[in-house]
Amino acid sequence: MPYRIRAHHGMCFFFFQGKGYSGEFIENMRRMKRKLEQNPEVVLLAETDDVCARCPNNLDGVCASPEKTERYDTQVLALCGLERGARIRWEDFEALVGERILTAGRREEICGGCQWSGLCVGRV
């Protein structure tokens, strides 16, 4: 069974430093990062996913800021040439995000307004 991953989390995992909304959220991110390092198949979403499971902004399966996060997801998918529901190996998705968004200098236009954006500056 593939892991369910929001498309914009492809960027979040790249920049993850052990900081986040809560201890429970951080531990879940660490767990998910270890699982993704095994290069499983993932299904890309624009809705709550396996990472969001421990997010305090997850209100019964719906993000408290759905318009913002769905916009991030939609932009990531478009720049990577993928659609919602795409199944792809994690390393292949990670490479697309790296090449088409991060190395291309497009991260800030997607999620520069994110409260965690300061953690991402200067890391590419």
PDB file of N, CA and C in Angstrom:
ATOM      1  N   MET A   1       0.847  -1.193   0.000  1.00  0.00           N
ATOM      2  CA  MET A   1       0.000   0.000   0.000  1.00  0.00           C
ATOM      3  C   MET A   1       0.885   1.246   0.000  1.00  0.00           C
ATOM      4  N   PRO A   2       0.712   2.127  -0.967  1.00  0.00           N
ATOM      5  CA  PRO A   2       1.552   3.331  -1.022  1.00  0.00           C
ATOM      6  C   PRO A   2       1.202   4.314   0.101  1.00  0.00           C
ATOM      7  N   TYR A   3       2.199   5.099   0.499  1.00  0.00           N
ATOM      8  CA  TYR A   3       1.952   6.164   1.465  1.00  0.00           C
ATOM      9  C   TYR A   3       1.229   7.296   0.759  1.00  0.00           C
ATOM     10  N   ARG A   4       0.355   7.944   1.486  1.00  0.00           N
ATOM     11  CA  ARG A   4      -0.402   9.085   0.977  1.00  0.00           C
ATOM     12  C   ARG A   4       0.376  10.346   1.342  1.00  0.00           C
ATOM     13  N   ILE A   5       0.801  11.113   0.326  1.00  0.00           N
ATOM     14  CA  ILE A   5       1.638  12.281   0.565  1.00  0.00           C
ATOM     15  C   ILE A   5       1.083  13.498  -0.178  1.00  0.00           C
ATOM     16  N   ARG A   6       0.884  14.591   0.574  1.00  0.00           N
ATOM     17  CA  ARG A   6       0.526  15.858  -0.060  1.00  0.00           C
ATOM     18  C   ARG A   6       1.694  16.265  -0.931  1.00  0.00           C
ATOM     19  N   ALA A   7       1.429  16.779  -2.099  1.00  0.00           N
ATOM     20  CA  ALA A   7       2.501  17.140  -3.027  1.00  0.00           C
ATOM     21  C   ALA A   7       3.477  18.149  -2.421  1.00  0.00           C
ATOM     22  N   HIS A   8       2.988  19.153  -1.710  1.00  0.00           N
ATOM     23  CA  HIS A   8       3.918  20.156  -1.176  1.00  0.00           C
ATOM     24  C   HIS A   8       4.807  19.599  -0.069  1.00  0.00           C
ATOM     25  N   HIS A   9       4.445  18.467   0.509  1.00  0.00           N
ATOM     26  CA  HIS A   9       5.310  17.856   1.517  1.00  0.00           C
ATOM     27  C   HIS A   9       6.616  17.358   0.913  1.00  0.00           C
ATOM     28  N   GLY A  10       6.672  17.260  -0.419  1.00  0.00           N
ATOM     29  CA  GLY A  10       7.935  16.946  -1.080  1.00  0.00           C
ATOM     30  C   GLY A  10       8.992  17.992  -0.773  1.00  0.00           C
ATOM     31  N   MET A  11       8.570  19.237  -0.603  1.00  0.00           N
ATOM     32  CA  MET A  11       9.498  20.306  -0.214  1.00  0.00           C
ATOM     33  C   MET A  11       9.748  20.265   1.288  1.00  0.00           C
ATOM     34  N   CYS A  12       8.715  20.048   2.065  1.00  0.00           N
ATOM     35  CA  CYS A  12       8.850  20.039   3.527  1.00  0.00           C
ATOM     36  C   CYS A  12       9.867  18.999   3.998  1.00  0.00           C
ATOM     37  N   PHE A  13       9.832  17.815   3.402  1.00  0.00           N
ATOM     38  CA  PHE A  13      10.775  16.777   3.806  1.00  0.00           C
ATOM     39  C   PHE A  13      12.213  17.166   3.479  1.00  0.00           C
ATOM     40  N   PHE A  14      12.414  17.859   2.376  1.00  0.00           N
ATOM     41  CA  PHE A  14      13.759  18.288   2.006  1.00  0.00           C
ATOM     42  C   PHE A  14      14.350  19.203   3.076  1.00  0.00           C
ATOM     43  N   PHE A  15      13.527  20.083   3.623  1.00  0.00           N
ATOM     44  CA  PHE A  15      13.997  21.095   4.571  1.00  0.00           C
ATOM     45  C   PHE A  15      13.807  20.711   6.037  1.00  0.00           C
ATOM     46  N   PHE A  16      13.204  19.592   6.318  1.00  0.00           N
ATOM     47  CA  PHE A  16      12.864  19.218   7.698  1.00  0.00           C
ATOM     48  C   PHE A  16      14.101  19.199   8.597  1.00  0.00           C
ATOM     49  N   GLN A  17      13.991  19.910   9.737  1.00  0.00           N
ATOM     50  CA  GLN A  17      15.090  20.041  10.694  1.00  0.00           C
ATOM     51  C   GLN A  17      14.702  19.599  12.099  1.00  0.00           C
ATOM     52  N   GLY A  18      13.602  18.918  12.242  1.00  0.00           N
ATOM     53  CA  GLY A  18      13.181  18.511  13.577  1.00  0.00           C
ATOM     54  C   GLY A  18      12.407  19.594  14.305  1.00  0.00           C
ATOM     55  N   LYS A  19      11.809  20.494  13.558  1.00  0.00           N
ATOM     56  CA  LYS A  19      10.970  21.554  14.135  1.00  0.00           C
ATOM     57  C   LYS A  19       9.592  21.427  13.515  1.00  0.00           C
ATOM     58  N   GLY A  20       8.583  21.879  14.260  1.00  0.00           N
ATOM     59  CA  GLY A  20       7.237  21.779  13.720  1.00  0.00           C
ATOM     60  C   GLY A  20       6.191  22.199  14.729  1.00  0.00           C
ATOM     61  N   TYR A  21       4.965  21.853  14.430  1.00  0.00           N
ATOM     62  CA  TYR A  21       3.818  22.300  15.210  1.00  0.00           C
ATOM     63  C   TYR A  21       3.803  21.773  16.640  1.00  0.00           C
ATOM     64  N   SER A  22       4.268  20.557  16.836  1.00  0.00           N
ATOM     65  CA  SER A  22       4.218  19.931  18.161  1.00  0.00           C
ATOM     66  C   SER A  22       5.190  18.757  18.178  1.00  0.00           C
ATOM     67  N   GLY A  23       5.472  18.263  19.374  1.00  0.00           N
ATOM     68  CA  GLY A  23       6.338  17.092  19.490  1.00  0.00           C
ATOM     69  C   GLY A  23       5.776  15.892  18.759  1.00  0.00           C
ATOM     70  N   GLU A  24       4.482  15.707  18.838  1.00  0.00           N
ATOM     71  CA  GLU A  24       3.829  14.580  18.163  1.00  0.00           C
ATOM     72  C   GLU A  24       3.956  14.718  16.636  1.00  0.00           C
ATOM     73  N   PHE A  25       3.789  15.937  16.140  1.00  0.00           N
ATOM     74  CA  PHE A  25       3.930  16.184  14.710  1.00  0.00           C
ATOM     75  C   PHE A  25       5.371  15.921  14.261  1.00  0.00           C
ATOM     76  N   ILE A  26       6.330  16.418  15.018  1.00  0.00           N
ATOM     77  CA  ILE A  26       7.751  16.250  14.680  1.00  0.00           C
ATOM     78  C   ILE A  26       8.120  14.774  14.641  1.00  0.00           C
ATOM     79  N   GLU A  27       7.680  14.020  15.638  1.00  0.00           N
ATOM     80  CA  GLU A  27       7.999  12.587  15.663  1.00  0.00           C
ATOM     81  C   GLU A  27       7.379  11.870  14.466  1.00  0.00           C
ATOM     82  N   ASN A  28       6.169  12.249  14.097  1.00  0.00           N
ATOM     83  CA  ASN A  28       5.532  11.648  12.924  1.00  0.00           C
ATOM     84  C   ASN A  28       6.316  11.996  11.650  1.00  0.00           C
ATOM     85  N   MET A  29       6.798  13.238  11.548  1.00  0.00           N
ATOM     86  CA  MET A  29       7.616  13.625  10.387  1.00  0.00           C
ATOM     87  C   MET A  29       8.885  12.779  10.327  1.00  0.00           C
ATOM     88  N   ARG A  30       9.527  12.588  11.464  1.00  0.00           N
ATOM     89  CA  ARG A  30      10.745  11.762  11.500  1.00  0.00           C
ATOM     90  C   ARG A  30      10.448  10.334  11.046  1.00  0.00           C
ATOM     91  N   ARG A  31       9.358   9.786  11.563  1.00  0.00           N
ATOM     92  CA  ARG A  31       8.954   8.420  11.193  1.00  0.00           C
ATOM     93  C   ARG A  31       8.686   8.316   9.693  1.00  0.00           C
ATOM     94  N   MET A  32       7.936   9.283   9.188  1.00  0.00           N
ATOM     95  CA  MET A  32       7.610   9.270   7.761  1.00  0.00           C
ATOM     96  C   MET A  32       8.875   9.447   6.918  1.00  0.00           C
ATOM     97  N   LYS A  33       9.774  10.308   7.333  1.00  0.00           N
ATOM     98  CA  LYS A  33      11.014  10.523   6.581  1.00  0.00           C
ATOM     99  C   LYS A  33      11.815   9.222   6.502  1.00  0.00           C
ATOM    100  N   ARG A  34      11.890   8.493   7.613  1.00  0.00           N
ATOM    101  CA  ARG A  34      12.597   7.202   7.604  1.00  0.00           C
ATOM    102  C   ARG A  34      11.920   6.221   6.652  1.00  0.00           C
ATOM    103  N   LYS A  35      10.611   6.187   6.647  1.00  0.00           N
ATOM    104  CA  LYS A  35       9.880   5.293   5.745  1.00  0.00           C
ATOM    105  C   LYS A  35      10.114   5.680   4.289  1.00  0.00           C
ATOM    106  N   LEU A  36      10.105   6.969   4.001  1.00  0.00           N
ATOM    107  CA  LEU A  36      10.292   7.432   2.629  1.00  0.00           C
ATOM    108  C   LEU A  36      11.716   7.191   2.144  1.00  0.00           C
ATOM    109  N   GLU A  37      12.663   7.148   3.046  1.00  0.00           N
ATOM    110  CA  GLU A  37      14.049   6.850   2.671  1.00  0.00           C
ATOM    111  C   GLU A  37      14.201   5.434   2.111  1.00  0.00           C
ATOM    112  N   GLN A  38      13.203   4.594   2.302  1.00  0.00           N
ATOM    113  CA  GLN A  38      13.204   3.234   1.740  1.00  0.00           C
ATOM    114  C   GLN A  38      12.676   3.229   0.300  1.00  0.00           C
ATOM    115  N   ASN A  39      12.348   4.418  -0.216  1.00  0.00           N
ATOM    116  CA  ASN A  39      11.873   4.603  -1.590  1.00  0.00           C
ATOM    117  C   ASN A  39      10.591   3.825  -1.914  1.00  0.00           C
ATOM    118  N   PRO A  40       9.560   3.971  -1.085  1.00  0.00           N
ATOM    119  CA  PRO A  40       8.300   3.297  -1.412  1.00  0.00           C
ATOM    120  C   PRO A  40       7.551   4.045  -2.512  1.00  0.00           C
ATOM    121  N   GLU A  41       6.526   3.402  -3.012  1.00  0.00           N
ATOM    122  CA  GLU A  41       5.611   4.092  -3.910  1.00  0.00           C
ATOM    123  C   GLU A  41       4.756   5.019  -3.048  1.00  0.00           C
ATOM    124  N   VAL A  42       4.490   6.226  -3.562  1.00  0.00           N
ATOM    125  CA  VAL A  42       3.610   7.161  -2.882  1.00  0.00           C
ATOM    126  C   VAL A  42       2.507   7.571  -3.842  1.00  0.00           C
ATOM    127  N   VAL A  43       1.382   7.957  -3.287  1.00  0.00           N
ATOM    128  CA  VAL A  43       0.316   8.540  -4.089  1.00  0.00           C
ATOM    129  C   VAL A  43       0.246  10.007  -3.677  1.00  0.00           C
ATOM    130  N   LEU A  44       0.302  10.892  -4.658  1.00  0.00           N
ATOM    131  CA  LEU A  44       0.371  12.328  -4.408  1.00  0.00           C
ATOM    132  C   LEU A  44      -1.019  12.934  -4.318  1.00  0.00           C
ATOM    133  N   LEU A  45      -1.214  13.730  -3.275  1.00  0.00           N
ATOM    134  CA  LEU A  45      -2.530  14.273  -2.967  1.00  0.00           C
ATOM    135  C   LEU A  45      -2.515  15.786  -2.859  1.00  0.00           C
ATOM    136  N   ALA A  46      -3.691  16.363  -2.831  1.00  0.00           N
ATOM    137  CA  ALA A  46      -3.909  17.770  -2.505  1.00  0.00           C
ATOM    138  C   ALA A  46      -4.957  17.807  -1.398  1.00  0.00           C
ATOM    139  N   GLU A  47      -4.736  16.976  -0.389  1.00  0.00           N
ATOM    140  CA  GLU A  47      -5.628  16.862   0.773  1.00  0.00           C
ATOM    141  C   GLU A  47      -4.814  16.274   1.917  1.00  0.00           C
ATOM    142  N   THR A  48      -5.395  16.168   3.087  1.00  0.00           N
ATOM    143  CA  THR A  48      -4.643  15.650   4.227  1.00  0.00           C
ATOM    144  C   THR A  48      -4.080  14.270   3.920  1.00  0.00           C
ATOM    145  N   ASP A  49      -2.885  14.020   4.480  1.00  0.00           N
ATOM    146  CA  ASP A  49      -2.140  12.806   4.163  1.00  0.00           C
ATOM    147  C   ASP A  49      -1.597  12.150   5.431  1.00  0.00           C
ATOM    148  N   ASP A  50      -0.635  11.250   5.250  1.00  0.00           N
ATOM    149  CA  ASP A  50      -0.043  10.546   6.385  1.00  0.00           C
ATOM    150  C   ASP A  50       0.780  11.474   7.278  1.00  0.00           C
ATOM    151  N   VAL A  51       1.307  12.554   6.738  1.00  0.00           N
ATOM    152  CA  VAL A  51       2.032  13.544   7.538  1.00  0.00           C
ATOM    153  C   VAL A  51       1.046  14.359   8.365  1.00  0.00           C
ATOM    154  N   CYS A  52      -0.048  14.741   7.763  1.00  0.00           N
ATOM    155  CA  CYS A  52      -1.065  15.569   8.426  1.00  0.00           C
ATOM    156  C   CYS A  52      -1.761  14.837   9.579  1.00  0.00           C
ATOM    157  N   ALA A  53      -1.605  13.535   9.648  1.00  0.00           N
ATOM    158  CA  ALA A  53      -2.290  12.747  10.675  1.00  0.00           C
ATOM    159  C   ALA A  53      -2.022  13.264  12.082  1.00  0.00           C
ATOM    160  N   ARG A  54      -0.845  13.847  12.318  1.00  0.00           N
ATOM    161  CA  ARG A  54      -0.482  14.336  13.653  1.00  0.00           C
ATOM    162  C   ARG A  54      -0.358  15.855  13.710  1.00  0.00           C
ATOM    163  N   CYS A  55      -0.894  16.537  12.711  1.00  0.00           N
ATOM    164  CA  CYS A  55      -0.837  17.997  12.676  1.00  0.00           C
ATOM    165  C   CYS A  55      -2.010  18.580  13.466  1.00  0.00           C
ATOM    166  N   PRO A  56      -1.746  19.558  14.337  1.00  0.00           N
ATOM    167  CA  PRO A  56      -2.843  20.174  15.095  1.00  0.00           C
ATOM    168  C   PRO A  56      -3.815  20.953  14.220  1.00  0.00           C
ATOM    169  N   ASN A  57      -3.434  21.245  12.977  1.00  0.00           N
ATOM    170  CA  ASN A  57      -4.337  21.935  12.047  1.00  0.00           C
ATOM    171  C   ASN A  57      -5.202  20.974  11.254  1.00  0.00           C
ATOM    172  N   ASN A  58      -5.077  19.677  11.533  1.00  0.00           N
ATOM    173  CA  ASN A  58      -5.904  18.651  10.898  1.00  0.00           C
ATOM    174  C   ASN A  58      -7.186  18.534  11.724  1.00  0.00           C
ATOM    175  N   LEU A  59      -8.265  19.035  11.167  1.00  0.00           N
ATOM    176  CA  LEU A  59      -9.554  19.040  11.863  1.00  0.00           C
ATOM    177  C   LEU A  59     -10.429  17.944  11.276  1.00  0.00           C
ATOM    178  N   ASP A  60     -10.355  16.771  11.874  1.00  0.00           N
ATOM    179  CA  ASP A  60     -11.127  15.621  11.408  1.00  0.00           C
ATOM    180  C   ASP A  60     -10.907  15.335   9.924  1.00  0.00           C
ATOM    181  N   GLY A  61      -9.634  15.357   9.515  1.00  0.00           N
ATOM    182  CA  GLY A  61      -9.283  15.019   8.144  1.00  0.00           C
ATOM    183  C   GLY A  61      -9.309  16.178   7.166  1.00  0.00           C
ATOM    184  N   VAL A  62      -9.545  17.387   7.665  1.00  0.00           N
ATOM    185  CA  VAL A  62      -9.568  18.569   6.809  1.00  0.00           C
ATOM    186  C   VAL A  62      -8.596  19.596   7.384  1.00  0.00           C
ATOM    187  N   CYS A  63      -7.744  20.156   6.535  1.00  0.00           N
ATOM    188  CA  CYS A  63      -6.776  21.164   6.957  1.00  0.00           C
ATOM    189  C   CYS A  63      -7.501  22.441   7.375  1.00  0.00           C
ATOM    190  N   ALA A  64      -7.009  23.078   8.429  1.00  0.00           N
ATOM    191  CA  ALA A  64      -7.590  24.338   8.887  1.00  0.00           C
ATOM    192  C   ALA A  64      -7.359  25.466   7.875  1.00  0.00           C
ATOM    193  N   SER A  65      -6.383  25.313   6.984  1.00  0.00           N
ATOM    194  CA  SER A  65      -6.095  26.297   5.926  1.00  0.00           C
ATOM    195  C   SER A  65      -6.148  25.612   4.564  1.00  0.00           C
ATOM    196  N   PRO A  66      -7.300  25.079   4.186  1.00  0.00           N
ATOM    197  CA  PRO A  66      -7.356  24.252   2.971  1.00  0.00           C
ATOM    198  C   PRO A  66      -7.006  24.986   1.686  1.00  0.00           C
ATOM    199  N   GLU A  67      -7.413  26.244   1.543  1.00  0.00           N
ATOM    200  CA  GLU A  67      -7.130  26.953   0.292  1.00  0.00           C
ATOM    201  C   GLU A  67      -5.627  27.114   0.099  1.00  0.00           C
ATOM    202  N   LYS A  68      -4.937  27.501   1.160  1.00  0.00           N
ATOM    203  CA  LYS A  68      -3.494  27.735   1.079  1.00  0.00           C
ATOM    204  C   LYS A  68      -2.749  26.440   0.762  1.00  0.00           C
ATOM    205  N   THR A  69      -3.015  25.387   1.512  1.00  0.00           N
ATOM    206  CA  THR A  69      -2.268  24.147   1.314  1.00  0.00           C
ATOM    207  C   THR A  69      -2.616  23.480  -0.015  1.00  0.00           C
ATOM    208  N   GLU A  70      -3.856  23.551  -0.434  1.00  0.00           N
ATOM    209  CA  GLU A  70      -4.225  22.996  -1.741  1.00  0.00           C
ATOM    210  C   GLU A  70      -3.545  23.775  -2.872  1.00  0.00           C
ATOM    211  N   ARG A  71      -3.397  25.086  -2.695  1.00  0.00           N
ATOM    212  CA  ARG A  71      -2.685  25.889  -3.698  1.00  0.00           C
ATOM    213  C   ARG A  71      -1.220  25.442  -3.770  1.00  0.00           C
ATOM    214  N   TYR A  72      -0.581  25.210  -2.620  1.00  0.00           N
ATOM    215  CA  TYR A  72       0.800  24.713  -2.613  1.00  0.00           C
ATOM    216  C   TYR A  72       0.875  23.388  -3.370  1.00  0.00           C
ATOM    217  N   ASP A  73      -0.042  22.478  -3.053  1.00  0.00           N
ATOM    218  CA  ASP A  73      -0.045  21.156  -3.689  1.00  0.00           C
ATOM    219  C   ASP A  73      -0.230  21.257  -5.192  1.00  0.00           C
ATOM    220  N   THR A  74      -1.193  22.062  -5.614  1.00  0.00           N
ATOM    221  CA  THR A  74      -1.489  22.211  -7.035  1.00  0.00           C
ATOM    222  C   THR A  74      -0.287  22.757  -7.793  1.00  0.00           C
ATOM    223  N   GLN A  75       0.399  23.728  -7.206  1.00  0.00           N
ATOM    224  CA  GLN A  75       1.572  24.305  -7.865  1.00  0.00           C
ATOM    225  C   GLN A  75       2.710  23.288  -7.963  1.00  0.00           C
ATOM    226  N   VAL A  76       2.941  22.529  -6.907  1.00  0.00           N
ATOM    227  CA  VAL A  76       3.997  21.518  -6.932  1.00  0.00           C
ATOM    228  C   VAL A  76       3.683  20.474  -8.008  1.00  0.00           C
ATOM    229  N   LEU A  77       2.463  19.991  -8.019  1.00  0.00           N
ATOM    230  CA  LEU A  77       2.085  19.001  -9.030  1.00  0.00           C
ATOM    231  C   LEU A  77       2.288  19.544 -10.440  1.00  0.00           C
ATOM    232  N   ALA A  78       1.843  20.766 -10.691  1.00  0.00           N
ATOM    233  CA  ALA A  78       1.968  21.349 -12.026  1.00  0.00           C
ATOM    234  C   ALA A  78       3.434  21.484 -12.437  1.00  0.00           C
ATOM    235  N   LEU A  79       4.267  21.996 -11.545  1.00  0.00           N
ATOM    236  CA  LEU A  79       5.681  22.182 -11.881  1.00  0.00           C
ATOM    237  C   LEU A  79       6.404  20.851 -12.085  1.00  0.00           C
ATOM    238  N   CYS A  80       5.921  19.819 -11.416  1.00  0.00           N
ATOM    239  CA  CYS A  80       6.525  18.492 -11.573  1.00  0.00           C
ATOM    240  C   CYS A  80       5.917  17.707 -12.724  1.00  0.00           C
ATOM    241  N   GLY A  81       4.893  18.268 -13.381  1.00  0.00           N
ATOM    242  CA  GLY A  81       4.253  17.585 -14.503  1.00  0.00           C
ATOM    243  C   GLY A  81       3.430  16.387 -14.068  1.00  0.00           C
ATOM    244  N   LEU A  82       2.856  16.475 -12.871  1.00  0.00           N
ATOM    245  CA  LEU A  82       2.081  15.364 -12.309  1.00  0.00           C
ATOM    246  C   LEU A  82       0.664  15.817 -11.995  1.00  0.00           C
ATOM    247  N   GLU A  83      -0.214  14.848 -11.762  1.00  0.00           N
ATOM    248  CA  GLU A  83      -1.594  15.142 -11.407  1.00  0.00           C
ATOM    249  C   GLU A  83      -1.923  14.545 -10.046  1.00  0.00           C
ATOM    250  N   ARG A  84      -2.983  15.043  -9.441  1.00  0.00           N
ATOM    251  CA  ARG A  84      -3.470  14.462  -8.188  1.00  0.00           C
ATOM    252  C   ARG A  84      -3.706  12.978  -8.395  1.00  0.00           C
ATOM    253  N   GLY A  85      -3.318  12.201  -7.413  1.00  0.00           N
ATOM    254  CA  GLY A  85      -3.517  10.765  -7.486  1.00  0.00           C
ATOM    255  C   GLY A  85      -2.390  10.027  -8.183  1.00  0.00           C
ATOM    256  N   ALA A  86      -1.390  10.760  -8.682  1.00  0.00           N
ATOM    257  CA  ALA A  86      -0.254  10.110  -9.352  1.00  0.00           C
ATOM    258  C   ALA A  86       0.452   9.182  -8.372  1.00  0.00           C
ATOM    259  N   ARG A  87       0.835   8.015  -8.867  1.00  0.00           N
ATOM    260  CA  ARG A  87       1.626   7.065  -8.083  1.00  0.00           C
ATOM    261  C   ARG A  87       3.040   7.101  -8.627  1.00  0.00           C
ATOM    262  N   ILE A  88       4.000   7.255  -7.726  1.00  0.00           N
ATOM    263  CA  ILE A  88       5.382   7.432  -8.126  1.00  0.00           C
ATOM    264  C   ILE A  88       6.285   6.979  -6.982  1.00  0.00           C
ATOM    265  N   ARG A  89       7.457   6.502  -7.297  1.00  0.00           N
ATOM    266  CA  ARG A  89       8.434   6.165  -6.258  1.00  0.00           C
ATOM    267  C   ARG A  89       8.897   7.463  -5.610  1.00  0.00           C
ATOM    268  N   TRP A  90       9.085   7.413  -4.298  1.00  0.00           N
ATOM    269  CA  TRP A  90       9.458   8.602  -3.548  1.00  0.00           C
ATOM    270  C   TRP A  90      10.696   9.277  -4.133  1.00  0.00           C
ATOM    271  N   GLU A  91      11.742   8.517  -4.422  1.00  0.00           N
ATOM    272  CA  GLU A  91      12.981   9.122  -4.928  1.00  0.00           C
ATOM    273  C   GLU A  91      12.770   9.813  -6.267  1.00  0.00           C
ATOM    274  N   ASP A  92      11.880   9.299  -7.090  1.00  0.00           N
ATOM    275  CA  ASP A  92      11.577   9.947  -8.362  1.00  0.00           C
ATOM    276  C   ASP A  92      10.861  11.275  -8.129  1.00  0.00           C
ATOM    277  N   PHE A  93       9.913  11.279  -7.201  1.00  0.00           N
ATOM    278  CA  PHE A  93       9.207  12.521  -6.868  1.00  0.00           C
ATOM    279  C   PHE A  93      10.170  13.523  -6.238  1.00  0.00           C
ATOM    280  N   GLU A  94      10.984  13.063  -5.323  1.00  0.00           N
ATOM    281  CA  GLU A  94      11.964  13.915  -4.659  1.00  0.00           C
ATOM    282  C   GLU A  94      12.899  14.563  -5.699  1.00  0.00           C
ATOM    283  N   ALA A  95      13.311  13.797  -6.706  1.00  0.00           N
ATOM    284  CA  ALA A  95      14.184  14.326  -7.759  1.00  0.00           C
ATOM    285  C   ALA A  95      13.472  15.396  -8.575  1.00  0.00           C
ATOM    286  N   LEU A  96      12.196  15.167  -8.897  1.00  0.00           N
ATOM    287  CA  LEU A  96      11.424  16.175  -9.631  1.00  0.00           C
ATOM    288  C   LEU A  96      11.298  17.468  -8.839  1.00  0.00           C
ATOM    289  N   VAL A  97      10.986  17.351  -7.560  1.00  0.00           N
ATOM    290  CA  VAL A  97      10.861  18.532  -6.701  1.00  0.00           C
ATOM    291  C   VAL A  97      12.196  19.269  -6.643  1.00  0.00           C
ATOM    292  N   GLY A  98      13.273  18.520  -6.467  1.00  0.00           N
ATOM    293  CA  GLY A  98      14.590  19.142  -6.411  1.00  0.00           C
ATOM    294  C   GLY A  98      14.950  19.882  -7.681  1.00  0.00           C
ATOM    295  N   GLU A  99      14.744  19.238  -8.812  1.00  0.00           N
ATOM    296  CA  GLU A  99      15.132  19.801 -10.108  1.00  0.00           C
ATOM    297  C   GLU A  99      14.223  20.940 -10.551  1.00  0.00           C
ATOM    298  N   ARG A 100      12.911  20.713 -10.506  1.00  0.00           N
ATOM    299  CA  ARG A 100      11.968  21.657 -11.113  1.00  0.00           C
ATOM    300  C   ARG A 100      11.507  22.777 -10.179  1.00  0.00           C
ATOM    301  N   ILE A 101      11.727  22.604  -8.874  1.00  0.00           N
ATOM    302  CA  ILE A 101      11.267  23.627  -7.935  1.00  0.00           C
ATOM    303  C   ILE A 101      12.436  24.203  -7.140  1.00  0.00           C
ATOM    304  N   LEU A 102      13.133  23.357  -6.395  1.00  0.00           N
ATOM    305  CA  LEU A 102      14.151  23.862  -5.478  1.00  0.00           C
ATOM    306  C   LEU A 102      15.371  24.424  -6.210  1.00  0.00           C
ATOM    307  N   THR A 103      15.980  23.647  -7.084  1.00  0.00           N
ATOM    308  CA  THR A 103      17.148  24.109  -7.827  1.00  0.00           C
ATOM    309  C   THR A 103      16.771  25.249  -8.771  1.00  0.00           C
ATOM    310  N   ALA A 104      15.555  25.210  -9.276  1.00  0.00           N
ATOM    311  CA  ALA A 104      15.070  26.253 -10.190  1.00  0.00           C
ATOM    312  C   ALA A 104      14.713  27.548  -9.456  1.00  0.00           C
ATOM    313  N   GLY A 105      14.795  27.552  -8.120  1.00  0.00           N
ATOM    314  CA  GLY A 105      14.523  28.756  -7.346  1.00  0.00           C
ATOM    315  C   GLY A 105      13.063  29.137  -7.257  1.00  0.00           C
ATOM    316  N   ARG A 106      12.163  28.150  -7.287  1.00  0.00           N
ATOM    317  CA  ARG A 106      10.727  28.438  -7.320  1.00  0.00           C
ATOM    318  C   ARG A 106      10.016  28.153  -6.004  1.00  0.00           C
ATOM    319  N   ARG A 107      10.747  27.707  -4.985  1.00  0.00           N
ATOM    320  CA  ARG A 107      10.112  27.368  -3.706  1.00  0.00           C
ATOM    321  C   ARG A 107       9.350  28.546  -3.121  1.00  0.00           C
ATOM    322  N   GLU A 108       9.988  29.697  -3.067  1.00  0.00           N
ATOM    323  CA  GLU A 108       9.366  30.841  -2.409  1.00  0.00           C
ATOM    324  C   GLU A 108       8.071  31.283  -3.082  1.00  0.00           C
ATOM    325  N   GLU A 109       7.989  31.175  -4.399  1.00  0.00           N
ATOM    326  CA  GLU A 109       6.747  31.571  -5.075  1.00  0.00           C
ATOM    327  C   GLU A 109       5.605  30.621  -4.715  1.00  0.00           C
ATOM    328  N   ILE A 110       5.925  29.400  -4.354  1.00  0.00           N
ATOM    329  CA  ILE A 110       4.895  28.436  -3.977  1.00  0.00           C
ATOM    330  C   ILE A 110       4.484  28.621  -2.525  1.00  0.00           C
ATOM    331  N   CYS A 111       5.461  28.632  -1.633  1.00  0.00           N
ATOM    332  CA  CYS A 111       5.119  28.604  -0.202  1.00  0.00           C
ATOM    333  C   CYS A 111       5.900  29.615   0.623  1.00  0.00           C
ATOM    334  N   GLY A 112       6.306  30.730   0.011  1.00  0.00           N
ATOM    335  CA  GLY A 112       7.049  31.760   0.729  1.00  0.00           C
ATOM    336  C   GLY A 112       6.292  32.342   1.898  1.00  0.00           C
ATOM    337  N   GLY A 113       4.967  32.268   1.878  1.00  0.00           N
ATOM    338  CA  GLY A 113       4.153  32.796   2.968  1.00  0.00           C
ATOM    339  C   GLY A 113       3.915  31.810   4.096  1.00  0.00           C
ATOM    340  N   CYS A 114       4.453  30.598   3.975  1.00  0.00           N
ATOM    341  CA  CYS A 114       4.283  29.582   5.011  1.00  0.00           C
ATOM    342  C   CYS A 114       4.980  30.019   6.299  1.00  0.00           C
ATOM    343  N   GLN A 115       4.390  29.727   7.435  1.00  0.00           N
ATOM    344  CA  GLN A 115       4.988  30.117   8.717  1.00  0.00           C
ATOM    345  C   GLN A 115       6.340  29.461   8.950  1.00  0.00           C
ATOM    346  N   TRP A 116       6.652  28.376   8.253  1.00  0.00           N
ATOM    347  CA  TRP A 116       7.928  27.666   8.426  1.00  0.00           C
ATOM    348  C   TRP A 116       8.940  28.038   7.359  1.00  0.00           C
ATOM    349  N   SER A 117       8.612  28.967   6.479  1.00  0.00           N
ATOM    350  CA  SER A 117       9.466  29.313   5.348  1.00  0.00           C
ATOM    351  C   SER A 117      10.880  29.727   5.763  1.00  0.00           C
ATOM    352  N   GLY A 118      11.021  30.344   6.904  1.00  0.00           N
ATOM    353  CA  GLY A 118      12.332  30.768   7.388  1.00  0.00           C
ATOM    354  C   GLY A 118      13.302  29.608   7.578  1.00  0.00           C
ATOM    355  N   LEU A 119      12.778  28.403   7.810  1.00  0.00           N
ATOM    356  CA  LEU A 119      13.632  27.236   7.974  1.00  0.00           C
ATOM    357  C   LEU A 119      14.201  26.775   6.635  1.00  0.00           C
ATOM    358  N   CYS A 120      13.615  27.214   5.554  1.00  0.00           N
ATOM    359  CA  CYS A 120      13.981  26.721   4.225  1.00  0.00           C
ATOM    360  C   CYS A 120      14.985  27.623   3.514  1.00  0.00           C
ATOM    361  N   VAL A 121      15.191  28.805   4.001  1.00  0.00           N
ATOM    362  CA  VAL A 121      16.052  29.786   3.342  1.00  0.00           C
ATOM    363  C   VAL A 121      17.501  29.316   3.349  1.00  0.00           C
ATOM    364  N   GLY A 122      18.123  29.398   2.175  1.00  0.00           N
ATOM    365  CA  GLY A 122      19.541  29.100   2.051  1.00  0.00           C
ATOM    366  C   GLY A 122      19.926  27.634   2.129  1.00  0.00           C
ATOM    367  N   ARG A 123      18.984  26.730   1.969  1.00  0.00           N
ATOM    368  CA  ARG A 123      19.301  25.315   2.099  1.00  0.00           C
ATOM    369  C   ARG A 123      19.366  24.580   0.764  1.00  0.00           C
ATOM    370  N   VAL A 124      19.235  25.269  -0.341  1.00  0.00           N
ATOM    371  CA  VAL A 124      19.318  24.584  -1.641  1.00  0.00           C
ATOM    372  C   VAL A 124      20.638  24.941  -2.286  1.00  0.00           C
TER     373      VAL A 124
END
